[in-house]
Amino acid sequence: MNKRAFLQLLQKRDTGRLSAREKSLLLQVLDRLQRRELSWDLDTEEAAEIQQRIKDRIDRRIQASPKRNYFLRPLQLAASVALLIGLVFLVYQVLQTPTEVVWEERSTNERQKATITLPDGSLAYLNTNTSLRFPRKFEPGQRLVELDGEAFFEVVADKAAVFEVQSQGVRTKVLGTSFNVKAHRESAVKVAVQHGSVAVYQQGMEKETRVNLQPNQMATVFPDRREIRVEAVDPEGFLAWKAQSVSFDLATFDEVIHRLAAIYNYSIEIEGEGLDRCQIKATYTNGNLYAVLHGLKNLVDFDIKKTGERKVTLYFNRCID
């Protein structure tokens, strides 16, 4: 039996139109509800309607004046009231039983990026080395995701449900906008806004610190210092990782590497001399750090060694004429 049929049986029971078979079926459903074998989601209106019908039925039974069976009538009334009160309790249990939230996770490695469509239709663009957790279905009035890494969000507007990103002790809350969150472990969290407005909260022991961001503003949150710094930024800068390509116009090799480190959130060390003598003028597909580095090897002779998580050392040899 589905929820709709159950509610229809309750309505028929209120009017005394249940057949013997339907009475038996209703008792079976109530028994299954009590054993938690059914998990229907009743909205507020449905619950209020059921409880009001039960209350009205109890009131009618109590107010009725028994004319016959002086000793039997109170017992029948008590049994009926007990059954109706039991039904109220069962409905309350159904409403209070928490719905299990099923979480999903999407991750990228050092050579991947990804675009994720969230349950409400919002889009999340994941940079490399990023993980995003989100419910398979958002709860009413709330859209919560958890981020480790960097992602750009295009949030579908919904005034009834706040969209919230939790990352490294920082909460970013919006109703509908586009913004970027950079929240790698052991690093300051950076939230930058492209369109709309965003509220950024830094969680604390006693209270939260909050700042509001407007377009082309970025908040840098320092977890160890309990500090939020707000500054104006160029959208092309904080969204460089999301662009289709990365270009250099006669930049020196060390300038190129510094920019790549910022785009891909890598720590890159360079060993060698004469870096400023290499002038780079080139455009590369913005896939991942290693793809760009291997493209640069056609212009500069250097060796690559991975030295840790998001850490690379480059050994410069010479410029290639």
Protein backbone atom coordinates (compact mmCIF):
# COMPACT_ATOMS: atom_id res chain seq x y z
CA MET A 1 0.00 0.00 0.00
CA ASN A 2 1.28 3.48 -0.82
CA LYS A 3 0.92 6.63 1.27
CA ARG A 4 -2.01 7.98 -0.78
CA ALA A 5 -4.06 4.81 -0.30
CA PHE A 6 -3.27 4.86 3.43
CA LEU A 7 -4.55 8.44 3.78
CA GLN A 8 -7.70 7.55 1.85
CA LEU A 9 -8.39 4.65 4.23
CA LEU A 10 -8.00 7.00 7.21
CA GLN A 11 -10.52 9.36 5.66
CA LYS A 12 -13.01 6.56 5.05
CA ARG A 13 -12.52 5.37 8.62
CA ASP A 14 -13.45 8.87 9.91
CA THR A 15 -16.76 8.70 8.08
CA GLY A 16 -17.48 5.10 9.09
CA ARG A 17 -17.37 3.79 5.52
CA LEU A 18 -14.65 1.16 5.92
CA SER A 19 -15.49 -2.36 4.86
CA ALA A 20 -14.40 -5.32 6.97
CA ARG A 21 -11.57 -6.02 4.51
CA GLU A 22 -10.41 -2.39 4.58
CA LYS A 23 -10.47 -2.37 8.39
CA SER A 24 -8.21 -5.42 8.41
CA LEU A 25 -5.90 -3.83 5.84
CA LEU A 26 -5.67 -0.60 7.84
CA LEU A 27 -4.72 -2.51 11.00
CA GLN A 28 -2.00 -4.33 9.06
CA VAL A 29 -0.56 -1.04 7.81
CA LEU A 30 -0.59 0.46 11.31
CA ASP A 31 1.19 -2.62 12.58
CA ARG A 32 3.86 -2.25 9.90
CA LEU A 33 4.27 1.42 10.75
CA GLN A 34 4.82 0.52 14.37
CA ARG A 35 7.53 -1.98 13.39
CA ARG A 36 9.15 0.71 11.15
CA GLU A 37 8.71 -1.45 8.06
CA LEU A 38 7.25 1.53 6.18
CA SER A 39 9.02 4.87 5.76
CA TRP A 40 6.62 7.36 4.19
CA ASP A 41 7.49 11.05 4.14
CA LEU A 42 4.46 13.00 5.39
CA ASP A 43 4.57 16.70 4.76
CA THR A 44 3.38 19.23 7.33
CA GLU A 45 -0.10 19.64 5.82
CA GLU A 46 -0.70 15.88 5.64
CA ALA A 47 0.40 15.41 9.25
CA ALA A 48 -1.74 18.31 10.47
CA GLU A 49 -4.74 16.98 8.57
CA ILE A 50 -4.39 13.49 10.05
CA GLN A 51 -3.95 14.79 13.57
CA GLN A 52 -6.92 17.15 13.25
CA ARG A 53 -9.17 14.33 12.01
CA ILE A 54 -8.06 12.17 14.94
CA LYS A 55 -8.68 15.01 17.41
CA ASP A 56 -12.13 15.69 15.95
CA ARG A 57 -13.04 12.02 16.20
CA ILE A 58 -11.90 11.84 19.83
CA ASP A 59 -13.89 15.00 20.66
CA ARG A 60 -17.00 13.57 19.05
CA ARG A 61 -16.67 10.34 20.99
CA ILE A 62 -16.18 12.13 24.30
CA GLN A 63 -19.03 14.59 23.77
CA ALA A 64 -21.48 11.88 22.70
CA SER A 65 -23.95 11.12 25.52
CA PRO A 66 -24.46 7.36 25.95
CA LYS A 67 -28.13 6.45 26.14
CA ARG A 68 -27.85 2.70 26.40
CA ASN A 69 -25.43 0.10 27.73
CA TYR A 70 -24.51 2.35 30.63
CA PHE A 71 -21.63 0.12 31.75
CA LEU A 72 -20.48 -1.04 28.30
CA ARG A 73 -20.39 2.38 26.58
CA PRO A 74 -17.49 3.85 28.63
CA LEU A 75 -15.37 0.78 27.90
CA GLN A 76 -16.04 1.06 24.16
CA LEU A 77 -15.29 4.77 24.26
CA ALA A 78 -12.03 4.21 26.16
CA ALA A 79 -10.91 1.55 23.67
CA SER A 80 -11.73 3.80 20.74
CA VAL A 81 -9.91 6.76 22.28
CA ALA A 82 -6.90 4.54 23.02
CA LEU A 83 -6.82 3.37 19.41
CA LEU A 84 -7.00 6.93 18.09
CA ILE A 85 -4.31 8.14 20.50
CA GLY A 86 -2.17 5.24 19.33
CA LEU A 87 -2.66 6.37 15.76
CA VAL A 88 -1.52 9.89 16.70
CA PHE A 89 1.61 8.36 18.23
CA LEU A 90 2.29 6.33 15.08
CA VAL A 91 1.94 9.38 12.85
CA TYR A 92 4.30 11.27 15.17
CA GLN A 93 6.83 8.45 14.90
CA VAL A 94 6.67 8.52 11.11
CA LEU A 95 7.30 12.27 11.13
CA GLN A 96 10.12 12.09 13.65
CA THR A 97 11.97 9.15 12.12
CA PRO A 98 14.98 10.77 10.41
CA THR A 99 15.30 10.12 6.72
CA GLU A 100 18.67 8.59 5.97
CA VAL A 101 20.77 10.96 3.88
CA VAL A 102 22.75 9.20 1.18
CA TRP A 103 25.96 11.05 0.36
CA GLU A 104 27.92 10.90 -2.86
CA GLU A 105 31.51 11.94 -3.51
CA ARG A 106 33.28 13.05 -6.66
CA SER A 107 37.07 13.42 -6.79
CA THR A 108 39.70 14.47 -9.28
CA ASN A 109 43.38 13.61 -9.30
CA GLU A 110 46.36 15.75 -10.29
CA ARG A 111 45.60 15.25 -14.00
CA GLN A 112 41.81 15.62 -13.96
CA LYS A 113 39.11 18.26 -13.81
CA ALA A 114 35.38 17.63 -13.67
CA THR A 115 31.95 19.24 -13.96
CA ILE A 116 29.29 17.97 -11.54
CA THR A 117 25.54 18.60 -11.74
CA LEU A 118 24.14 18.76 -8.21
CA PRO A 119 20.64 17.53 -7.21
CA ASP A 120 19.10 21.01 -7.57
CA GLY A 121 20.63 21.61 -10.99
CA SER A 122 23.50 23.77 -9.72
CA LEU A 123 26.89 23.17 -11.33
CA ALA A 124 30.21 22.54 -9.60
CA TYR A 125 33.42 22.75 -11.62
CA LEU A 126 36.18 20.85 -9.84
CA ASN A 127 39.84 21.75 -10.24
CA THR A 128 42.56 19.10 -10.00
CA ASN A 129 43.13 17.34 -6.64
CA THR A 130 39.62 18.15 -5.42
CA SER A 131 36.89 16.21 -3.64
CA LEU A 132 33.23 17.22 -3.35
CA ARG A 133 30.66 15.48 -1.12
CA PHE A 134 26.94 16.16 -1.51
CA PRO A 135 23.63 14.42 -0.68
CA ARG A 136 21.98 12.42 -3.42
CA LYS A 137 18.89 14.48 -2.57
CA PHE A 138 18.97 17.82 -0.80
CA GLU A 139 16.87 18.13 2.36
CA PRO A 140 13.99 20.64 2.28
CA GLY A 141 15.23 24.18 2.87
CA GLN A 142 18.91 23.27 2.74
CA ARG A 143 21.53 22.60 0.08
CA LEU A 144 24.76 21.52 1.75
CA VAL A 145 28.01 20.34 0.12
CA GLU A 146 31.48 19.65 1.52
CA LEU A 147 34.61 20.66 -0.38
CA ASP A 148 38.26 19.71 -0.11
CA GLY A 149 40.22 21.44 -2.87
CA GLU A 150 39.04 24.06 -5.35
CA ALA A 151 35.72 24.42 -7.14
CA PHE A 152 33.67 27.04 -8.94
CA PHE A 153 29.91 26.96 -8.27
CA GLU A 154 27.05 28.22 -10.41
CA VAL A 155 24.14 28.04 -8.00
CA VAL A 156 20.52 27.87 -9.10
CA ALA A 157 18.55 30.58 -7.30
CA ASP A 158 16.16 29.27 -4.62
CA LYS A 159 15.03 31.70 -1.92
CA ALA A 160 13.59 28.82 0.13
CA ALA A 161 16.87 26.87 0.32
CA VAL A 162 20.26 28.31 1.21
CA PHE A 163 23.22 26.80 -0.66
CA GLU A 164 26.14 26.17 1.69
CA VAL A 165 29.71 25.03 1.08
CA GLN A 166 31.62 23.70 4.10
CA SER A 167 35.40 23.63 3.76
CA GLN A 168 38.18 23.52 6.36
CA GLY A 169 36.10 25.17 9.09
CA VAL A 170 34.72 27.85 6.73
CA ARG A 171 31.07 28.11 5.67
CA THR A 172 30.10 29.89 2.46
CA LYS A 173 26.34 30.58 2.13
CA VAL A 174 24.39 31.88 -0.88
CA LEU A 175 20.90 31.76 -2.37
CA GLY A 176 21.93 31.88 -6.00
CA THR A 177 25.17 33.16 -7.49
CA SER A 178 28.52 32.13 -8.98
CA PHE A 179 31.64 31.98 -6.86
CA ASN A 180 34.93 30.16 -6.38
CA VAL A 181 36.15 28.36 -3.25
CA LYS A 182 39.78 27.33 -2.79
CA ALA A 183 40.15 25.22 0.35
CA HIS A 184 43.08 22.84 0.34
CA ARG A 185 44.20 21.37 3.64
CA GLU A 186 46.85 23.27 5.60
CA SER A 187 46.23 26.37 3.46
CA ALA A 188 44.20 29.55 3.85
CA VAL A 189 40.68 29.28 2.46
CA LYS A 190 39.89 31.72 -0.36
CA VAL A 191 36.36 32.58 -1.50
CA ALA A 192 35.94 34.84 -4.55
CA VAL A 193 32.67 36.08 -6.08
CA GLN A 194 31.98 36.48 -9.78
CA HIS A 195 28.23 37.31 -9.65
CA GLY A 196 25.76 37.91 -6.82
CA SER A 197 26.66 38.09 -3.14
CA VAL A 198 28.12 35.59 -0.70
CA ALA A 199 28.35 35.34 3.09
CA VAL A 200 31.53 33.77 4.47
CA TYR A 201 31.64 32.46 8.04
CA GLN A 202 34.72 31.46 9.99
CA GLN A 203 33.73 28.97 12.68
CA GLY A 204 35.03 29.68 16.18
CA MET A 205 34.82 28.26 19.68
CA GLU A 206 32.37 30.91 20.96
CA LYS A 207 31.00 32.63 17.86
CA GLU A 208 31.39 32.86 14.11
CA THR A 209 33.04 35.70 12.24
CA ARG A 210 31.16 36.78 9.11
CA VAL A 211 31.90 38.92 6.06
CA ASN A 212 29.71 39.67 3.04
CA LEU A 213 31.29 39.61 -0.41
CA GLN A 214 30.19 41.39 -3.57
CA PRO A 215 31.27 40.69 -7.17
CA ASN A 216 35.05 40.90 -7.76
CA GLN A 217 35.81 40.56 -4.05
CA MET A 218 37.73 37.76 -2.36
CA ALA A 219 37.89 36.71 1.28
CA THR A 220 41.01 34.97 2.56
CA VAL A 221 40.37 33.08 5.79
CA PHE A 222 43.32 32.23 8.02
CA PRO A 223 42.20 29.37 10.32
CA ASP A 224 45.19 29.60 12.64
CA ARG A 225 44.86 33.38 13.13
CA ARG A 226 41.07 33.69 13.35
CA GLU A 227 41.18 36.35 10.65
CA ILE A 228 39.30 37.13 7.43
CA ARG A 229 40.87 39.50 4.92
CA VAL A 230 38.76 41.00 2.10
CA GLU A 231 40.26 42.47 -1.07
CA ALA A 232 39.30 43.39 -4.62
CA VAL A 233 40.34 40.87 -7.27
CA ASP A 234 40.27 40.42 -11.03
CA PRO A 235 37.91 37.56 -11.99
CA GLU A 236 40.34 36.42 -14.67
CA GLY A 237 42.89 35.86 -11.95
CA PHE A 238 40.93 33.60 -9.61
CA LEU A 239 39.23 31.83 -12.52
CA ALA A 240 42.39 31.23 -14.55
CA TRP A 241 42.30 27.51 -13.67
CA LYS A 242 38.82 27.23 -15.21
CA ALA A 243 39.74 28.84 -18.55
CA GLN A 244 40.03 26.73 -21.67
CA SER A 245 43.66 27.75 -22.21
CA VAL A 246 46.60 29.36 -20.45
CA SER A 247 48.74 31.85 -22.38
CA PHE A 248 52.13 33.51 -21.88
CA ASP A 249 53.34 36.57 -23.76
CA LEU A 250 57.15 36.85 -23.52
CA ALA A 251 57.14 35.97 -19.83
CA THR A 252 60.33 34.71 -18.22
CA PHE A 253 60.49 31.05 -17.25
CA ASP A 254 60.34 31.79 -13.53
CA GLU A 255 57.30 34.08 -14.08
CA VAL A 256 55.58 31.30 -16.01
CA ILE A 257 56.22 28.77 -13.25
CA HIS A 258 55.01 31.18 -10.56
CA ARG A 259 51.74 31.66 -12.46
CA LEU A 260 51.27 27.93 -12.98
CA ALA A 261 51.79 27.33 -9.27
CA ALA A 262 48.97 29.78 -8.50
CA ILE A 263 46.61 28.37 -11.14
CA TYR A 264 46.99 24.73 -10.11
CA ASN A 265 47.65 25.33 -6.39
CA TYR A 266 51.03 23.60 -6.47
CA SER A 267 54.23 24.33 -4.60
CA ILE A 268 56.89 24.49 -7.32
CA GLU A 269 60.60 24.94 -6.63
CA ILE A 270 63.14 25.67 -9.35
CA GLU A 271 66.84 24.86 -9.16
CA GLY A 272 69.30 26.29 -11.65
CA GLU A 273 70.57 29.62 -12.97
CA GLY A 274 69.66 31.80 -15.93
CA LEU A 275 65.89 31.40 -15.68
CA ASP A 276 65.23 35.00 -16.71
CA ARG A 277 66.95 34.48 -20.05
CA CYS A 278 64.14 32.23 -21.34
CA GLN A 279 61.26 34.24 -22.86
CA ILE A 280 58.04 32.22 -23.19
CA LYS A 281 55.39 33.11 -25.77
CA ALA A 282 52.93 30.25 -26.06
CA THR A 283 49.36 29.06 -25.41
CA TYR A 284 48.50 25.67 -23.90
CA THR A 285 45.28 23.78 -23.29
CA ASN A 286 44.40 24.28 -19.64
CA GLY A 287 44.11 20.62 -18.69
CA ASN A 288 46.51 20.08 -15.80
CA LEU A 289 49.92 21.18 -14.56
CA TYR A 290 51.84 18.26 -16.03
CA ALA A 291 50.35 18.74 -19.48
CA VAL A 292 51.50 22.39 -19.52
CA LEU A 293 54.93 21.52 -18.13
CA HIS A 294 55.54 18.93 -20.82
CA GLY A 295 54.50 21.49 -23.41
CA LEU A 296 57.04 23.95 -21.97
CA LYS A 297 59.79 21.37 -22.36
CA ASN A 298 59.74 22.17 -26.09
CA LEU A 299 60.97 25.68 -25.23
CA VAL A 300 63.00 25.10 -22.07
CA ASP A 301 65.23 22.19 -21.13
CA PHE A 302 64.37 21.15 -17.56
CA ASP A 303 63.66 18.02 -15.53
CA ILE A 304 60.61 17.38 -13.36
CA LYS A 305 60.50 15.59 -10.01
CA LYS A 306 57.43 15.18 -7.84
CA THR A 307 58.49 15.76 -4.22
CA GLY A 308 55.15 15.48 -2.37
CA GLU A 309 51.42 16.03 -2.55
CA ARG A 310 50.99 19.08 -4.83
CA LYS A 311 54.76 19.65 -4.66
CA VAL A 312 57.14 19.64 -7.64
CA THR A 313 60.80 20.52 -8.13
CA LEU A 314 62.08 21.64 -11.53
CA TYR A 315 65.75 21.34 -12.44
CA PHE A 316 66.52 24.02 -15.04
CA ASN A 317 69.18 23.20 -17.65
CA ARG A 318 68.99 25.75 -20.47
CA CYS A 319 66.78 27.69 -22.88
CA ILE A 320 66.07 26.02 -26.20
CA ASP A 321 66.69 28.34 -29.15
